[in-house]
Amino acid sequence: MSEKYKFFTPVRVRYADTDAQGHVFFSNYLIYFDQGLTDYLKAIGYGYDAMLDDGFDFFYVEAQCTYKGSARFDEVLNVHARLTHIGRTSFTFQFAIYKADTDTLISTGRIVAVAVEKGGRQPVPVPERLRAAVEAYEGEPLP
């Protein structure tokens, strides 16, 4: 299933990421998604600094995570990420986390972000430069 994602970044589970049962505490998957999102934007050539240079920032307005399995301390996870939709002022990322050694799916999710003016809170149109970077990297147009 991981083949539908062109990008992934490896994350090693730290001891601090685990709970009393010894597996990754549920909210840490959102942190892994954030790491995947950040690394994905760098990989497509449109990282956070480029966004700020273009005069916009973004806020997360929705996050969703579905748990399919569990991970434990010192396991390496591959966080797959892609940007799947760009609206007028919002954009959506999808994620899938797999165990690196077995390619076992353990989590899926999504994050919706809203573009806002740099240093402010007013929504602004998503720059066309972001769409162009995603489409060039993914090799296909966004819906």
Protein backbone atom coordinates (compact mmCIF):
# COMPACT_ATOMS: atom_id res chain seq x y z
CA MET A 1 0.00 0.00 0.00
CA SER A 2 2.91 2.39 0.61
CA GLU A 3 3.50 2.60 -3.15
CA LYS A 4 0.82 5.29 -3.58
CA TYR A 5 3.04 7.72 -1.69
CA LYS A 6 6.10 9.05 -3.48
CA PHE A 7 7.58 10.55 -0.29
CA PHE A 8 8.40 9.16 3.12
CA THR A 9 10.66 10.11 5.99
CA PRO A 10 11.95 7.67 8.63
CA VAL A 11 11.28 8.30 12.33
CA ARG A 12 12.78 6.26 15.16
CA VAL A 13 10.45 5.82 18.14
CA ARG A 14 12.02 7.40 21.21
CA TYR A 15 11.45 6.04 24.71
CA ALA A 16 9.72 9.33 25.56
CA ASP A 17 7.18 8.63 22.78
CA THR A 18 5.83 5.53 24.52
CA ASP A 19 3.21 5.06 27.24
CA ALA A 20 2.81 2.74 30.24
CA GLN A 21 1.82 -0.14 27.94
CA GLY A 22 5.08 0.25 26.02
CA HIS A 23 3.67 1.40 22.70
CA VAL A 24 3.62 4.84 21.08
CA PHE A 25 1.24 7.15 22.94
CA PHE A 26 -1.68 7.98 20.63
CA SER A 27 -1.07 11.73 20.27
CA ASN A 28 2.50 11.21 19.11
CA TYR A 29 1.24 9.99 15.75
CA LEU A 30 0.16 13.58 15.07
CA ILE A 31 3.71 14.69 15.83
CA TYR A 32 4.96 12.10 13.33
CA PHE A 33 2.47 13.46 10.77
CA ASP A 34 3.80 16.97 11.39
CA GLN A 35 7.36 15.74 10.83
CA GLY A 36 6.27 14.08 7.59
CA LEU A 37 4.51 17.25 6.44
CA THR A 38 7.54 19.42 7.19
CA ASP A 39 9.94 17.06 5.41
CA TYR A 40 7.56 16.68 2.45
CA LEU A 41 7.40 20.44 1.92
CA LYS A 42 11.21 20.60 1.95
CA ALA A 43 11.39 17.69 -0.51
CA ILE A 44 9.11 19.43 -3.02
CA GLY A 45 11.24 22.57 -2.78
CA TYR A 46 8.68 24.70 -0.97
CA GLY A 47 9.58 24.58 2.70
CA TYR A 48 8.40 26.82 5.49
CA ASP A 49 10.95 29.56 4.73
CA ALA A 50 9.70 29.76 1.13
CA MET A 51 6.14 30.18 2.41
CA LEU A 52 7.18 33.01 4.67
CA ASP A 53 9.08 34.60 1.77
CA ASP A 54 5.82 34.49 -0.21
CA GLY A 55 4.05 36.33 2.63
CA PHE A 56 1.96 33.54 4.05
CA ASP A 57 1.87 31.11 6.93
CA PHE A 58 -0.60 28.39 7.82
CA PHE A 59 -2.59 27.04 10.74
CA TYR A 60 -3.76 23.49 11.26
CA VAL A 61 -7.55 23.51 11.51
CA GLU A 62 -8.29 19.78 11.41
CA ALA A 63 -6.34 16.64 12.27
CA GLN A 64 -7.51 13.05 12.03
CA CYS A 65 -5.74 9.80 12.86
CA THR A 66 -6.85 6.18 12.52
CA TYR A 67 -4.89 3.51 14.37
CA LYS A 68 -4.30 0.22 12.56
CA GLY A 69 -1.57 -1.22 14.80
CA SER A 70 1.06 -0.15 17.28
CA ALA A 71 4.73 0.72 17.42
CA ARG A 72 7.23 0.35 20.24
CA PHE A 73 10.41 1.96 21.49
CA ASP A 74 13.33 1.96 19.03
CA GLU A 75 11.29 0.79 16.04
CA VAL A 76 11.82 2.73 12.83
CA LEU A 77 8.65 4.00 11.19
CA ASN A 78 8.29 5.35 7.67
CA VAL A 79 5.99 8.35 7.64
CA HIS A 80 4.50 8.65 4.15
CA ALA A 81 3.08 12.06 3.27
CA ARG A 82 1.52 13.82 0.33
CA LEU A 83 -0.50 16.93 -0.34
CA THR A 84 -3.78 15.80 -1.90
CA HIS A 85 -5.96 18.88 -2.23
CA ILE A 86 -5.57 22.62 -2.53
CA GLY A 87 -8.65 24.79 -2.13
CA ARG A 88 -8.86 28.57 -2.25
CA THR A 89 -7.44 29.10 1.25
CA SER A 90 -6.91 25.55 2.53
CA PHE A 91 -4.82 22.52 1.68
CA THR A 92 -4.98 18.90 2.81
CA PHE A 93 -2.24 16.38 3.56
CA GLN A 94 -2.68 12.62 3.85
CA PHE A 95 -0.41 10.32 5.81
CA ALA A 96 0.29 6.65 6.28
CA ILE A 97 2.78 5.26 8.79
CA TYR A 98 4.38 1.87 8.18
CA LYS A 99 6.87 -0.15 10.18
CA ALA A 100 10.10 0.12 8.22
CA ASP A 101 11.15 -3.50 8.69
CA THR A 102 7.84 -5.18 7.76
CA ASP A 103 5.95 -2.51 5.76
CA THR A 104 3.03 -3.09 8.16
CA LEU A 105 0.51 -0.23 8.15
CA ILE A 106 0.00 1.13 11.67
CA SER A 107 -1.67 4.50 11.17
CA THR A 108 -3.37 6.72 8.59
CA GLY A 109 -4.51 10.28 8.86
CA ARG A 110 -4.87 13.73 7.45
CA ILE A 111 -4.24 17.33 8.34
CA VAL A 112 -6.09 20.31 6.89
CA ALA A 113 -4.28 23.65 6.99
CA VAL A 114 -5.51 27.16 6.20
CA ALA A 115 -3.25 29.74 4.59
CA VAL A 116 -3.08 32.99 6.53
CA GLU A 117 -1.23 36.24 6.06
CA LYS A 118 2.30 36.16 7.45
CA GLY A 119 2.21 37.40 11.04
CA GLY A 120 -1.58 37.53 11.08
CA ARG A 121 -4.71 35.44 11.22
CA GLN A 122 -6.58 36.50 8.07
CA PRO A 123 -7.07 33.71 5.53
CA VAL A 124 -5.38 34.33 2.19
CA PRO A 125 -5.40 32.41 -1.11
CA VAL A 126 -2.95 29.51 -1.25
CA PRO A 127 -0.06 30.64 -3.48
CA GLU A 128 0.02 29.05 -6.92
CA ARG A 129 3.70 28.35 -6.27
CA LEU A 130 2.70 25.66 -3.74
CA ARG A 131 0.43 23.91 -6.26
CA ALA A 132 3.16 24.07 -8.91
CA ALA A 133 5.74 22.57 -6.53
CA VAL A 134 3.41 19.69 -5.54
CA GLU A 135 2.43 18.91 -9.12
CA ALA A 136 6.05 18.99 -10.30
CA TYR A 137 7.13 16.65 -7.49
CA GLU A 138 4.19 14.24 -7.73
CA GLY A 139 4.18 14.24 -11.54
CA GLU A 140 0.42 14.76 -11.81
CA PRO A 141 -2.10 17.57 -11.38
CA LEU A 142 -3.95 18.03 -8.11
CA PRO A 143 -7.73 17.69 -8.25
